[in-house]
């Protein structure tokens, strides 16, 4: 199953992609989430993101950054889940920043996931969508030139 969210933000695309760091990752944590960032080594190929959820369920999520790329119109990196919380069995998240002009970019969260069968995927879909929609507001605020 796939979810793709597109958010317009202030900033040149290469400057925006460089700010996908621990500070942004902390800002993206859901409000009230009881989770800790165990490891965040960056957003380049070979880096790792490790999250531990403490409640309402105990779970771990470890993703490996398997690819990153920049060209004259976009930049991206891809994380693939190595250890995923139930019911996820597969996770790939392509973080794309597309150039609009010298002052604006689109951040695109392109997520592909599976729980192992289409029925479970359909049940997971609303939770993932609702979990990622607040990122749009966080991105706009975080990259706002007026902030």
Protein backbone atom coordinates (compact mmCIF):
# COMPACT_ATOMS: atom_id res chain seq x y z
CA UNK A 1 0.00 0.00 0.00
CA UNK A 2 1.22 3.54 -0.67
CA UNK A 3 0.66 6.96 0.90
CA UNK A 4 2.16 10.09 -0.63
CA UNK A 5 1.97 13.47 1.11
CA UNK A 6 3.22 16.70 -0.50
CA UNK A 7 3.93 19.87 1.52
CA UNK A 8 5.11 23.23 0.19
CA UNK A 9 7.78 24.81 2.42
CA UNK A 10 10.01 27.85 2.40
CA UNK A 11 13.60 27.20 1.41
CA UNK A 12 15.85 26.12 -1.43
CA UNK A 13 15.61 22.35 -1.89
CA UNK A 14 19.29 21.64 -1.11
CA UNK A 15 19.08 23.71 2.09
CA UNK A 16 15.87 21.92 3.09
CA UNK A 17 17.27 18.38 2.60
CA UNK A 18 20.34 19.29 4.69
CA UNK A 19 18.03 20.10 7.62
CA UNK A 20 16.67 16.54 7.79
CA UNK A 21 18.60 16.03 11.00
CA UNK A 22 18.02 15.05 14.63
CA UNK A 23 16.47 18.44 15.41
CA UNK A 24 13.83 18.01 12.68
CA UNK A 25 13.28 14.39 13.70
CA UNK A 26 12.62 15.56 17.29
CA UNK A 27 10.17 18.19 15.98
CA UNK A 28 8.30 15.48 14.02
CA UNK A 29 7.70 13.28 17.08
CA UNK A 30 3.94 13.04 17.64
CA UNK A 31 2.69 15.22 20.48
CA UNK A 32 2.27 13.17 23.63
CA UNK A 33 4.06 10.16 22.16
CA UNK A 34 5.94 8.14 24.74
CA UNK A 35 8.87 7.26 22.54
CA UNK A 36 12.60 7.75 22.57
CA UNK A 37 15.07 8.18 19.78
CA UNK A 38 17.67 5.53 20.58
CA UNK A 39 19.88 6.26 17.58
CA UNK A 40 19.85 8.77 14.74
CA UNK A 41 23.03 8.85 12.70
CA UNK A 42 21.73 10.97 9.80
CA UNK A 43 19.98 10.90 6.44
CA UNK A 44 22.68 9.51 4.17
CA UNK A 45 23.20 5.98 2.85
CA UNK A 46 24.48 3.79 5.68
CA UNK A 47 22.82 5.82 8.46
CA UNK A 48 20.37 4.31 10.97
CA UNK A 49 17.24 5.53 12.76
CA UNK A 50 16.21 3.56 15.86
CA UNK A 51 13.05 4.45 17.79
CA UNK A 52 11.66 2.79 20.91
CA UNK A 53 7.96 3.16 21.72
CA UNK A 54 7.24 2.85 25.45
CA UNK A 55 3.44 3.09 25.50
CA UNK A 56 0.65 2.32 24.86
CA UNK A 57 2.59 -0.67 23.50
CA UNK A 58 6.27 -1.48 23.72
CA UNK A 59 7.84 -1.73 20.28
CA UNK A 60 10.97 -0.89 18.36
CA UNK A 61 11.43 0.53 14.89
CA UNK A 62 14.81 0.42 13.19
CA UNK A 63 15.23 1.79 9.68
CA UNK A 64 18.33 1.81 7.53
CA UNK A 65 19.02 4.63 5.09
CA UNK A 66 19.67 2.63 1.92
CA UNK A 67 19.99 5.39 -0.67
CA UNK A 68 20.42 9.15 -1.01
CA UNK A 69 20.72 11.35 -4.08
CA UNK A 70 20.84 14.99 -5.20
CA UNK A 71 20.47 16.47 -8.68
CA UNK A 72 19.58 19.88 -10.11
CA UNK A 73 15.86 19.63 -9.32
CA UNK A 74 15.43 17.33 -6.30
CA UNK A 75 17.12 15.49 -3.45
CA UNK A 76 16.00 12.42 -1.54
CA UNK A 77 16.89 9.66 0.85
CA UNK A 78 15.16 6.33 1.41
CA UNK A 79 14.75 4.49 4.68
CA UNK A 80 13.78 0.82 4.80
CA UNK A 81 12.46 -0.82 7.95
CA UNK A 82 14.70 -3.54 9.36
CA UNK A 83 12.82 -4.01 12.66
CA UNK A 84 9.17 -2.96 12.56
CA UNK A 85 6.37 -2.82 15.12
CA UNK A 86 3.43 -5.18 14.69
CA UNK A 87 1.51 -5.30 12.38
CA UNK A 88 3.99 -3.90 9.84
CA UNK A 89 6.05 -6.42 7.87
CA UNK A 90 7.45 -4.06 5.22
CA UNK A 91 8.24 -0.32 5.21
CA UNK A 92 9.95 1.93 2.66
CA UNK A 93 9.86 5.71 3.06
CA UNK A 94 11.27 7.95 0.35
CA UNK A 95 11.84 11.48 1.68
CA UNK A 96 11.91 13.74 -1.38
CA UNK A 97 12.58 17.47 -1.57
CA UNK A 98 11.70 18.97 -4.97
CA UNK A 99 12.77 22.41 -6.12
CA UNK A 100 9.94 24.82 -6.91
CA UNK A 101 12.15 27.92 -7.18
CA UNK A 102 15.06 29.44 -5.23
CA UNK A 103 12.85 30.19 -2.21
CA UNK A 104 10.38 27.26 -2.09
CA UNK A 105 10.35 23.48 -2.20
CA UNK A 106 7.99 20.55 -1.88
CA UNK A 107 8.65 17.93 0.77
CA UNK A 108 7.16 14.62 -0.33
CA UNK A 109 6.73 11.71 2.07
CA UNK A 110 6.29 8.67 -0.19
CA UNK A 111 5.60 5.65 2.02
CA UNK A 112 5.07 2.07 0.92
CA UNK A 113 4.12 -0.46 3.57
CA UNK A 114 2.53 -3.84 4.13
CA UNK A 115 1.20 -5.91 6.98
CA UNK A 116 1.40 -9.05 4.86
CA UNK A 117 -2.03 -9.03 3.19
CA UNK A 118 -4.35 -6.50 1.58
CA UNK A 119 -6.99 -6.67 4.33
CA UNK A 120 -4.44 -5.84 7.02
CA UNK A 121 -2.96 -3.14 4.77
CA UNK A 122 -6.38 -1.51 4.47
CA UNK A 123 -6.75 -1.55 8.26
CA UNK A 124 -3.25 -0.07 8.79
CA UNK A 125 -3.70 2.67 6.16
CA UNK A 126 -5.80 5.13 8.25
CA UNK A 127 -3.41 4.91 11.21
CA UNK A 128 -0.36 5.64 9.08
CA UNK A 129 -2.12 8.46 7.25
CA UNK A 130 -3.29 10.06 10.51
CA UNK A 131 0.17 9.54 12.00
CA UNK A 132 1.89 11.39 9.14
CA UNK A 133 -0.60 14.16 8.32
CA UNK A 134 0.58 16.34 11.25
CA UNK A 135 4.04 16.42 9.60
CA UNK A 136 2.65 18.86 7.03
CA UNK A 137 2.08 21.51 9.71
CA UNK A 138 5.43 20.76 11.39
CA UNK A 139 7.29 21.05 8.08
CA UNK A 140 5.63 24.38 7.22
CA UNK A 141 6.48 25.82 10.65
CA UNK A 142 10.00 24.34 10.83
CA UNK A 143 11.00 25.66 7.42
CA UNK A 144 9.13 28.98 7.70
CA UNK A 145 11.33 31.96 6.88
CA UNK A 146 9.19 34.10 9.21
CA UNK A 147 9.79 31.87 12.25
